Amino acid sequence: MSLAHLGRLAGVLLHPSSLPGGIDGTGLGDDARRFVDLLAASGIGLWQMLPVNPVNQHGSPYQSCSVFAADARLITGIGSPRERVQTARAQSGGNGDGYARFRVAQSAWLDDYAVYRAVKDDCDGAPWWSWPPALRDRDTGRLDAFVAAHRHGVDHYRYEQFLFHQQWRQLRSYASARRVRLLGDVPIFPALDSADVWAHRTLFRLAPDGRPTVIAGVPPDYFSATGQRWGNPVYDWDAIAATDFRWWSDRIRTQLERFDLLRLDHFRGFDATWEIPAEARTAVEGAWRPVPGRALFAALARECGALPFVAEDLGVITPSVEALRRELGLPGMRVLQFAFDGDIRNPYLPHNHEPDALVCTGTHDNDTTLGWFQALDDPTRARVLDYLGRPAEPMPWPLVRAAFASVARLAVIPMQDLLGLGSEARMNTPGTRAGNWSWRLGWHAIPADFAPQVRALSAGSDRLPAAPA
């Protein structure tokens, strides 16, 4: 669906874990509200985040043990995440009625997730395909016996999701009252070692022992000469279609309870998936396999109503992918760091933008704009400066201004770029594991004139949030 009803908006990309206390006990509390206040004062109407799902051992929210559950590290409180949950439960007496309603409303995924986490704990963190066969294969009697014997552990994982739900609802209400919408992120695939795959093995292309026969990734592209071998299991789309895409409808409904808009990561995967033989060492050996995207989105519209999606249409985009996006009326993405290859028809150059789009200087996978600019060779750097009118203002602000001036309705800037930070503040480098997802904002790094400067830019480009009708 078109997002024209939003008008022109400016946004900031910052994951809650990057807030000063994001994973230290104030992720959804004081720091988050302070950040919303900063956005509102700056004339920013959109807060874009990465997926808020639990992260993997390397900190990636794109390889989560559940695409439904939330990251308990963000729960506000004192102590470890487990201690925060225990303290909150003791103080509230369990909040029985609200908790019971939450369990019913989230029954499509909550119990499977809680049991998965409890079994994984009991198996010393082993992946589910290595569990005792009866638990691996979800034998009903064995699972019932496990839950009876580990009732407190299972209920802990349920309750922490309820606590996140409560705190998130308060944050979203706080943001809405200040005209700040929340833009979430939907990774296309769950991780192989996840509650989603364990509980719904028939929806994925797996061998009888639970291991994948093919895995997902992308072919060689801007980020990697050998492509990216993600390792996620690939959907069995025939099996999913036979259920009228119920798992996907449940998933999107859950995310729309948290966010006003959703960015569909790897949108081209809804037209075709790059399938890599599981035994292949790189993504080069993969091939495209068609996906029933039109049928999926039709089912989502029937079950979930309006679909406020932004399509992350980066990478190898074919005419059929572009046709699907336009048919659905979804805004695409325009990344300015990709614009300066010397081709005047490059779709990322501002003069080639269209209104139904989201423009950004870079994504979480890019270097910061300052780091990117400093790493360019001399001819490309000159090309950038020539296009931008040889600005006297230092980078990254000329590119930030170009994003705000674009005809694209949505302009979202990473917080690192608004602060003029270099490569030390990069969030993620695709194809690597060390040093990612750990950048943290410091309140002291925000200059006193930040809000009036950004607000003037928002106002001058007609991006101030409109008052409620």
Protein backbone atom coordinates (compact mmCIF):
# COMPACT_ATOMS: atom_id res chain seq x y z
CA MET A 1 0.00 0.00 0.00
CA SER A 2 1.13 3.56 -0.61
CA LEU A 3 2.23 5.57 2.41
CA ALA A 4 1.20 8.85 0.80
CA HIS A 5 -1.18 9.53 3.68
CA LEU A 6 1.84 10.11 5.92
CA GLY A 7 3.01 13.08 3.89
CA ARG A 8 6.71 13.89 3.91
CA LEU A 9 8.49 12.67 7.04
CA ALA A 10 12.02 12.61 8.39
CA GLY A 11 13.26 9.68 10.42
CA VAL A 12 16.24 8.48 12.40
CA LEU A 13 17.67 4.96 12.43
CA LEU A 14 18.76 3.88 15.91
CA HIS A 15 18.26 0.45 17.43
CA PRO A 16 17.14 0.51 21.09
CA SER A 17 20.24 -1.50 22.03
CA SER A 18 22.29 1.53 20.89
CA LEU A 19 20.69 3.78 23.49
CA PRO A 20 23.02 4.58 26.40
CA GLY A 21 21.25 2.03 28.60
CA GLY A 22 19.82 -0.07 25.81
CA ILE A 23 20.83 -3.47 27.17
CA ASP A 24 21.70 -2.41 30.69
CA GLY A 25 18.24 -2.00 32.09
CA THR A 26 16.76 1.18 30.60
CA GLY A 27 16.19 0.11 27.01
CA LEU A 28 12.43 0.73 27.03
CA GLY A 29 12.45 3.24 29.88
CA ASP A 30 14.08 6.59 30.55
CA ASP A 31 16.61 6.49 27.72
CA ALA A 32 14.00 5.53 25.14
CA ARG A 33 11.64 8.29 26.27
CA ARG A 34 14.49 10.80 26.27
CA PHE A 35 15.31 9.78 22.71
CA VAL A 36 11.67 10.20 21.67
CA ASP A 37 11.72 13.68 23.20
CA LEU A 38 14.87 14.47 21.19
CA LEU A 39 13.20 13.28 17.98
CA ALA A 40 10.08 15.33 18.66
CA ALA A 41 12.12 18.45 19.39
CA SER A 42 14.08 17.86 16.18
CA GLY A 43 10.99 17.63 13.97
CA ILE A 44 11.56 13.93 13.37
CA GLY A 45 8.40 11.86 12.94
CA LEU A 46 9.81 8.37 12.42
CA TRP A 47 12.01 6.18 14.62
CA GLN A 48 13.40 3.29 12.60
CA MET A 49 14.78 0.26 14.45
CA LEU A 50 16.35 -3.05 13.60
CA PRO A 51 14.41 -6.21 14.50
CA VAL A 52 13.61 -6.28 18.24
CA ASN A 53 13.82 -10.08 18.33
CA PRO A 54 16.30 -11.94 20.56
CA VAL A 55 19.84 -11.76 19.12
CA ASN A 56 22.18 -14.64 18.38
CA GLN A 57 25.53 -15.27 20.06
CA HIS A 58 27.17 -12.67 17.82
CA GLY A 59 24.59 -10.01 18.66
CA SER A 60 22.73 -10.13 15.33
CA PRO A 61 18.97 -9.49 15.45
CA TYR A 62 18.75 -10.96 11.93
CA GLN A 63 19.64 -14.46 13.17
CA SER A 64 17.16 -14.81 15.99
CA CYS A 65 15.84 -17.81 17.91
CA SER A 66 12.34 -16.39 17.31
CA VAL A 67 10.90 -13.98 14.76
CA PHE A 68 7.92 -13.46 17.10
CA ALA A 69 9.55 -12.99 20.51
CA ALA A 70 11.30 -9.84 21.72
CA ASP A 71 14.77 -9.23 23.11
CA ALA A 72 14.48 -9.48 26.90
CA ARG A 73 17.70 -7.49 27.33
CA LEU A 74 15.70 -4.37 26.50
CA ILE A 75 13.34 -4.78 29.45
CA THR A 76 13.69 -1.93 31.93
CA GLY A 77 14.79 -2.77 35.45
CA ILE A 78 17.82 -3.35 37.66
CA GLY A 79 20.18 -6.31 37.27
CA SER A 80 20.39 -8.99 34.62
CA PRO A 81 17.43 -9.58 32.27
CA ARG A 82 16.36 -12.56 34.40
CA GLU A 83 16.59 -10.49 37.59
CA ARG A 84 14.54 -7.71 36.01
CA VAL A 85 11.77 -10.16 35.17
CA GLN A 86 11.81 -11.70 38.64
CA THR A 87 11.69 -8.28 40.32
CA ALA A 88 8.87 -7.01 38.12
CA ARG A 89 6.83 -10.16 38.68
CA ALA A 90 7.25 -9.99 42.44
CA GLN A 91 6.29 -6.31 42.51
CA SER A 92 3.18 -6.78 40.38
CA GLY A 93 1.99 -10.02 41.87
CA GLY A 94 2.11 -11.58 38.43
CA ASN A 95 -0.54 -9.27 36.93
CA GLY A 96 -2.73 -12.34 36.53
CA ASP A 97 -5.56 -11.07 34.33
CA GLY A 98 -3.31 -9.15 31.95
CA TYR A 99 -0.86 -12.02 31.75
CA ALA A 100 -3.63 -14.52 31.05
CA ARG A 101 -5.03 -12.34 28.26
CA PHE A 102 -1.55 -11.94 26.78
CA ARG A 103 -1.03 -15.71 26.73
CA VAL A 104 -4.28 -16.22 24.87
CA ALA A 105 -3.63 -13.41 22.39
CA GLN A 106 -0.12 -14.67 21.59
CA SER A 107 -0.88 -18.38 21.67
CA ALA A 108 0.21 -18.85 18.05
CA TRP A 109 3.86 -18.63 19.13
CA LEU A 110 4.33 -17.95 22.84
CA ASP A 111 4.17 -21.47 24.29
CA ASP A 112 6.34 -22.95 21.54
CA TYR A 113 8.93 -20.24 22.17
CA ALA A 114 8.93 -20.66 25.96
CA VAL A 115 9.24 -24.44 25.76
CA TYR A 116 11.98 -24.19 23.14
CA ARG A 117 14.01 -21.85 25.37
CA ALA A 118 13.53 -24.06 28.44
CA VAL A 119 14.53 -27.25 26.58
CA LYS A 120 17.55 -25.48 25.11
CA ASP A 121 18.62 -24.42 28.61
CA ASP A 122 18.23 -28.00 29.83
CA CYS A 123 20.31 -29.24 26.90
CA ASP A 124 23.19 -26.83 27.65
CA GLY A 125 22.40 -24.62 24.67
CA ALA A 126 22.58 -27.37 22.05
CA PRO A 127 20.70 -26.70 18.77
CA TRP A 128 17.28 -28.34 18.63
CA TRP A 129 18.27 -30.96 16.04
CA SER A 130 20.78 -32.29 18.59
CA TRP A 131 18.23 -32.72 21.38
CA PRO A 132 16.98 -36.16 22.50
CA PRO A 133 14.84 -37.44 19.60
CA ALA A 134 11.53 -37.25 21.48
CA LEU A 135 12.08 -33.56 22.28
CA ARG A 136 13.61 -32.82 18.88
CA ASP A 137 10.60 -34.34 17.15
CA ARG A 138 8.05 -32.81 19.55
CA ASP A 139 6.62 -36.02 20.95
CA THR A 140 3.50 -34.82 22.79
CA GLY A 141 3.87 -37.03 25.84
CA ARG A 142 7.55 -36.23 26.27
CA LEU A 143 6.96 -32.49 25.87
CA ASP A 144 4.10 -32.51 28.39
CA ALA A 145 6.33 -34.32 30.89
CA PHE A 146 9.14 -31.82 30.30
CA VAL A 147 6.86 -28.82 30.83
CA ALA A 148 5.49 -30.34 34.05
CA ALA A 149 9.02 -30.85 35.36
CA HIS A 150 10.28 -27.42 34.24
CA ARG A 151 7.19 -25.32 34.86
CA HIS A 152 9.03 -22.36 36.38
CA GLY A 153 11.58 -22.18 33.59
CA VAL A 154 8.94 -22.29 30.87
CA ASP A 155 6.80 -19.70 32.60
CA HIS A 156 9.77 -17.38 33.03
CA TYR A 157 10.17 -17.15 29.26
CA ARG A 158 6.46 -16.52 28.82
CA TYR A 159 6.40 -13.82 31.46
CA GLU A 160 9.40 -11.91 30.17
CA GLN A 161 7.58 -11.57 26.84
CA PHE A 162 4.55 -10.23 28.69
CA LEU A 163 6.73 -7.73 30.51
CA PHE A 164 8.31 -6.57 27.24
CA HIS A 165 4.82 -6.25 25.76
CA GLN A 166 3.70 -4.00 28.62
CA GLN A 167 6.76 -1.76 28.47
CA TRP A 168 6.71 -1.59 24.68
CA ARG A 169 3.06 -0.56 24.67
CA GLN A 170 3.90 2.29 27.05
CA LEU A 171 6.80 3.43 24.87
CA ARG A 172 4.73 3.34 21.70
CA SER A 173 1.99 5.36 23.38
CA TYR A 174 4.58 7.89 24.58
CA ALA A 175 5.99 8.21 21.06
CA SER A 176 2.56 8.49 19.44
CA ALA A 177 1.59 11.33 21.76
CA ARG A 178 4.65 13.20 20.45
CA ARG A 179 3.91 12.46 16.77
CA VAL A 180 6.70 9.93 16.47
CA ARG A 181 5.85 6.73 14.59
CA LEU A 182 7.82 3.52 14.99
CA LEU A 183 9.25 1.75 11.94
CA GLY A 184 10.14 -1.89 12.59
CA ASP A 185 12.11 -4.44 10.60
CA VAL A 186 10.95 -7.90 9.48
CA PRO A 187 13.79 -10.30 8.54
CA ILE A 188 12.56 -12.59 5.82
CA PHE A 189 13.99 -15.80 7.35
CA PRO A 190 14.21 -17.17 10.88
CA ALA A 191 17.43 -18.77 12.09
CA LEU A 192 17.72 -22.53 11.71
CA ASP A 193 18.16 -22.95 15.47
CA SER A 194 14.92 -21.24 16.38
CA ALA A 195 11.59 -21.94 17.99
CA ASP A 196 9.98 -21.12 14.65
CA VAL A 197 11.72 -23.89 12.71
CA TRP A 198 11.55 -26.41 15.58
CA ALA A 199 7.79 -25.89 15.96
CA HIS A 200 7.02 -25.71 12.20
CA ARG A 201 9.44 -28.07 10.50
CA THR A 202 6.99 -28.86 7.70
CA LEU A 203 7.13 -25.22 6.55
CA PHE A 204 10.85 -25.44 5.74
CA ARG A 205 12.96 -27.52 3.38
CA LEU A 206 14.69 -29.80 5.85
CA ALA A 207 16.07 -33.32 5.87
CA PRO A 208 14.43 -35.89 8.21
CA ASP A 209 17.01 -35.13 10.92
CA GLY A 210 16.06 -31.44 10.88
CA ARG A 211 19.09 -30.16 9.02
CA PRO A 212 18.52 -28.00 5.93
CA THR A 213 18.99 -29.34 2.42
CA VAL A 214 19.38 -25.79 1.07
CA ILE A 215 20.07 -22.49 2.82
CA ALA A 216 19.35 -18.87 2.00
CA GLY A 217 21.70 -16.06 1.03
CA VAL A 218 22.42 -13.63 -1.76
CA PRO A 219 24.66 -13.82 -4.84
CA PRO A 220 27.80 -11.68 -5.24
CA ASP A 221 26.95 -8.00 -4.81
CA TYR A 222 28.16 -4.63 -3.54
CA PHE A 223 28.98 -6.07 -0.13
CA SER A 224 30.74 -9.33 -1.07
CA ALA A 225 32.45 -10.77 -4.16
CA THR A 226 31.37 -14.29 -3.18
CA GLY A 227 27.88 -13.34 -2.07
CA GLN A 228 26.50 -13.95 1.40
CA ARG A 229 25.85 -17.42 2.79
CA TRP A 230 23.35 -16.62 5.53
CA GLY A 231 22.69 -20.20 6.62
CA ASN A 232 18.97 -19.65 7.23
CA PRO A 233 16.60 -22.46 6.22
CA VAL A 234 14.53 -21.92 3.10
CA TYR A 235 10.72 -21.99 3.17
CA ASP A 236 8.69 -24.77 1.63
CA TRP A 237 6.31 -22.32 -0.01
CA ASP A 238 3.94 -25.04 -1.22
CA ALA A 239 3.40 -26.20 2.37
CA ILE A 240 2.95 -22.60 3.58
CA ALA A 241 0.47 -21.81 0.81
CA ALA A 242 -1.54 -24.90 1.75
CA THR A 243 -2.22 -23.24 5.15
CA ASP A 244 -3.26 -19.97 3.47
CA PHE A 245 0.01 -18.49 4.76
CA ARG A 246 -1.20 -18.67 8.37
CA TRP A 247 2.28 -18.59 9.93
CA TRP A 248 3.10 -15.42 8.02
CA SER A 249 -0.20 -13.78 8.94
CA ASP A 250 0.41 -14.51 12.63
CA ARG A 251 3.89 -13.08 12.32
CA ILE A 252 2.87 -9.83 10.63
CA ARG A 253 -0.04 -9.34 13.03
CA THR A 254 2.38 -9.60 15.96
CA GLN A 255 4.70 -6.99 14.45
CA LEU A 256 1.85 -4.59 13.68
CA GLU A 257 0.99 -4.67 17.38
CA ARG A 258 4.45 -3.19 18.00
CA PHE A 259 5.07 -0.88 15.04
CA ASP A 260 3.28 1.67 12.88
CA LEU A 261 5.25 0.70 9.76
CA LEU A 262 7.35 -2.31 8.83
CA ARG A 263 10.44 -2.56 6.65
CA LEU A 264 10.45 -5.88 4.79
CA ASP A 265 14.08 -6.93 4.81
CA HIS A 266 15.30 -8.59 1.59
CA PHE A 267 12.08 -7.84 -0.29
CA ARG A 268 13.42 -9.46 -3.43
CA GLY A 269 13.15 -12.76 -1.54
CA PHE A 270 9.37 -12.52 -1.92
CA ASP A 271 9.83 -12.86 -5.68
CA ALA A 272 12.62 -15.45 -5.66
CA THR A 273 15.05 -16.90 -3.12
CA TRP A 274 18.76 -17.46 -3.67
CA GLU A 275 19.04 -21.10 -2.62
CA ILE A 276 22.48 -22.44 -1.80
CA PRO A 277 23.22 -26.17 -1.36
CA ALA A 278 23.74 -26.66 2.36
CA GLU A 279 27.16 -28.19 1.80
CA ALA A 280 28.41 -25.32 -0.42
CA ARG A 281 31.22 -23.19 1.03
CA THR A 282 30.15 -19.90 -0.58
CA ALA A 283 27.00 -18.36 -2.01
CA VAL A 284 28.33 -18.49 -5.56
CA GLU A 285 26.93 -22.00 -6.02
CA GLY A 286 23.35 -20.85 -5.42
CA ALA A 287 20.41 -20.39 -7.79
CA TRP A 288 17.15 -18.43 -7.80
CA ARG A 289 13.91 -20.24 -6.94
CA PRO A 290 10.49 -18.56 -7.51
CA VAL A 291 8.37 -17.54 -4.51
CA PRO A 292 4.55 -16.97 -4.52
CA GLY A 293 4.82 -13.39 -3.31
CA ARG A 294 1.55 -12.14 -4.78
CA ALA A 295 -0.44 -14.89 -3.11
CA LEU A 296 1.34 -14.25 0.18
CA PHE A 297 0.59 -10.52 0.23
CA ALA A 298 -3.02 -11.13 -0.79
CA ALA A 299 -3.39 -13.46 2.20
CA LEU A 300 -1.73 -10.93 4.51
CA ALA A 301 -4.12 -8.21 3.35
CA ARG A 302 -7.11 -10.46 4.01
CA GLU A 303 -5.94 -11.40 7.49
CA CYS A 304 -4.21 -8.21 8.68
CA GLY A 305 -5.91 -5.41 6.77
CA ALA A 306 -3.81 -2.45 5.65
CA LEU A 307 -0.15 -3.35 5.20
CA PRO A 308 2.09 -0.34 5.96
CA PHE A 309 5.22 -1.85 4.44
CA VAL A 310 8.46 -0.42 3.09
CA ALA A 311 10.26 -2.76 0.70
CA GLU A 312 14.01 -3.13 1.23
CA ASP A 313 14.64 -3.61 -2.48
CA LEU A 314 18.43 -3.51 -2.47
CA GLY A 315 20.84 -5.91 -4.14
CA VAL A 316 20.10 -7.76 -7.38
CA ILE A 317 16.73 -6.33 -8.39
CA THR A 318 15.13 -7.81 -11.50
CA PRO A 319 12.17 -6.45 -13.48
CA SER A 320 9.90 -9.03 -11.82
CA VAL A 321 10.91 -7.82 -8.33
CA GLU A 322 10.25 -4.23 -9.34
CA ALA A 323 6.91 -5.22 -10.86
CA LEU A 324 5.87 -6.95 -7.63
CA ARG A 325 6.78 -3.91 -5.52
CA ARG A 326 4.89 -1.53 -7.77
CA GLU A 327 1.88 -3.82 -8.03
CA LEU A 328 1.69 -3.87 -4.23
CA GLY A 329 2.21 -0.12 -4.04
CA LEU A 330 5.13 -0.43 -1.62
CA PRO A 331 7.76 2.29 -1.26
CA GLY A 332 11.24 1.12 -2.15
CA MET A 333 14.58 2.26 -0.71
CA ARG A 334 17.14 4.67 -2.14
CA VAL A 335 20.58 4.55 -0.50
CA LEU A 336 22.69 7.59 -1.34
CA GLN A 337 25.98 5.82 -0.68
CA PHE A 338 25.14 3.59 -3.67
CA ALA A 339 24.50 6.53 -6.00
CA PHE A 340 27.90 7.62 -7.24
CA ASP A 341 29.17 4.93 -9.59
CA GLY A 342 29.35 7.36 -12.50
CA ASP A 343 26.07 6.32 -14.16
CA ILE A 344 23.80 9.35 -14.42
CA ARG A 345 20.81 6.97 -14.58
CA ASN A 346 21.74 5.34 -11.26
CA PRO A 347 18.37 5.02 -9.44
CA TYR A 348 19.93 6.07 -6.14
CA LEU A 349 20.94 9.52 -7.43
CA PRO A 350 18.50 12.10 -6.01
CA HIS A 351 17.35 13.36 -9.42
CA ASN A 352 16.11 9.83 -10.17
CA HIS A 353 14.11 9.41 -6.96
CA GLU A 354 10.34 9.08 -6.88
CA PRO A 355 7.91 10.14 -4.15
CA ASP A 356 6.89 6.62 -3.13
CA ALA A 357 10.25 5.79 -1.59
CA LEU A 358 12.39 5.90 1.54
CA VAL A 359 15.73 7.61 1.05
CA CYS A 360 18.64 7.16 3.44
CA THR A 361 22.30 8.04 3.48
CA GLY A 362 23.10 4.44 4.45
CA THR A 363 21.65 1.42 6.21
CA HIS A 364 22.83 -0.55 9.24
CA ASP A 365 24.97 -2.60 6.82
CA ASN A 366 26.81 0.44 5.45
CA ASP A 367 29.74 2.30 6.91
CA THR A 368 28.82 5.66 8.37
CA THR A 369 28.67 8.33 5.69
CA LEU A 370 31.82 10.01 6.98
CA GLY A 371 33.67 6.68 7.00
CA TRP A 372 32.34 5.86 3.53
CA PHE A 373 33.38 9.25 2.11
CA GLN A 374 36.85 9.08 3.60
CA ALA A 375 37.40 5.62 2.09
CA LEU A 376 36.45 6.69 -1.48
CA ASP A 377 39.12 7.04 -4.12
CA ASP A 378 39.85 10.56 -5.30
CA PRO A 379 37.82 10.44 -8.56
CA THR A 380 34.71 9.13 -6.79
CA ARG A 381 35.06 11.65 -3.98
CA ALA A 382 35.28 14.42 -6.56
CA ARG A 383 32.20 13.03 -8.33
CA VAL A 384 30.24 13.14 -5.07
CA LEU A 385 31.26 16.72 -4.33
CA ASP A 386 30.56 17.87 -7.88
CA TYR A 387 27.07 16.38 -7.80
CA LEU A 388 26.35 18.02 -4.45
CA GLY A 389 27.49 21.43 -5.69
CA ARG A 390 30.93 21.53 -4.10
CA PRO A 391 29.55 22.23 -0.61
CA ALA A 392 31.68 24.06 1.93
CA GLU A 393 30.03 22.14 4.74
CA PRO A 394 31.97 18.99 5.72
CA MET A 395 30.62 15.49 5.29
CA PRO A 396 28.26 13.92 6.18
CA TRP A 397 25.93 16.94 6.24
CA PRO A 398 25.84 17.55 2.46
CA LEU A 399 24.56 14.02 1.92
CA VAL A 400 22.12 14.36 4.82
CA ARG A 401 20.75 17.53 3.22
CA ALA A 402 20.44 15.75 -0.13
CA ALA A 403 18.35 13.05 1.55
CA PHE A 404 16.04 15.57 3.20
CA ALA A 405 15.65 17.50 -0.08
CA SER A 406 14.73 14.36 -2.07
CA VAL A 407 11.22 13.98 -3.43
CA ALA A 408 11.05 10.65 -1.56
CA ARG A 409 8.34 10.94 1.08
CA LEU A 410 10.40 9.26 3.79
CA ALA A 411 13.97 10.30 4.59
CA VAL A 412 15.69 8.28 7.32
CA ILE A 413 19.19 9.06 8.56
CA PRO A 414 21.30 6.85 10.83
CA MET A 415 21.91 8.63 14.13
CA GLN A 416 25.66 8.22 13.54
CA ASP A 417 25.39 10.40 10.42
CA LEU A 418 23.47 13.14 12.19
CA LEU A 419 26.29 13.18 14.74
CA GLY A 420 29.01 13.17 12.05
CA LEU A 421 30.67 10.00 13.35
CA GLY A 422 33.27 7.94 11.52
CA SER A 423 33.81 4.24 10.89
CA GLU A 424 34.30 3.56 14.60
CA ALA A 425 30.51 3.95 14.94
CA ARG A 426 29.59 1.48 12.18
CA MET A 427 26.81 -0.89 13.24
CA ASN A 428 27.49 -3.92 11.03
CA THR A 429 29.88 -5.14 8.37
CA PRO A 430 28.19 -7.89 6.29
CA GLY A 431 30.11 -11.13 6.05
CA THR A 432 31.88 -10.60 9.39
CA ARG A 433 30.99 -11.58 12.95
CA ALA A 434 33.34 -9.70 15.25
CA GLY A 435 32.77 -6.12 16.33
CA ASN A 436 29.19 -5.74 15.06
CA TRP A 437 25.95 -4.57 16.67
CA SER A 438 27.73 -2.94 19.60
CA TRP A 439 27.77 0.79 18.87
CA ARG A 440 26.30 2.81 21.71
CA LEU A 441 25.07 6.40 21.70
CA GLY A 442 26.33 8.72 24.40
CA TRP A 443 24.13 11.60 25.45
CA HIS A 444 27.27 13.73 25.82
CA ALA A 445 27.90 13.31 22.08
CA ILE A 446 24.74 15.22 21.15
CA PRO A 447 25.58 18.91 20.69
CA ALA A 448 23.40 21.56 22.27
CA ASP A 449 22.23 22.82 18.86
CA PHE A 450 21.32 19.35 17.56
CA ALA A 451 17.54 19.66 17.88
CA PRO A 452 17.18 23.18 16.41
CA GLN A 453 19.58 22.34 13.55
CA VAL A 454 17.74 19.16 12.58
CA ARG A 455 14.33 20.78 13.08
CA ALA A 456 15.29 23.60 10.71
CA LEU A 457 16.28 20.99 8.13
CA SER A 458 12.99 19.13 8.62
CA ALA A 459 10.98 22.33 8.31
CA GLY A 460 12.94 23.55 5.28
CA SER A 461 12.27 20.31 3.42
CA ASP A 462 8.59 20.12 4.44
CA ARG A 463 9.10 17.07 6.66
CA LEU A 464 7.68 18.22 10.00
CA PRO A 465 5.09 15.75 11.35
CA ALA A 466 1.55 16.94 10.80
CA ALA A 467 -0.75 17.55 13.75
CA PRO A 468 -3.36 14.81 14.34
CA ALA A 469 -6.53 15.31 12.30
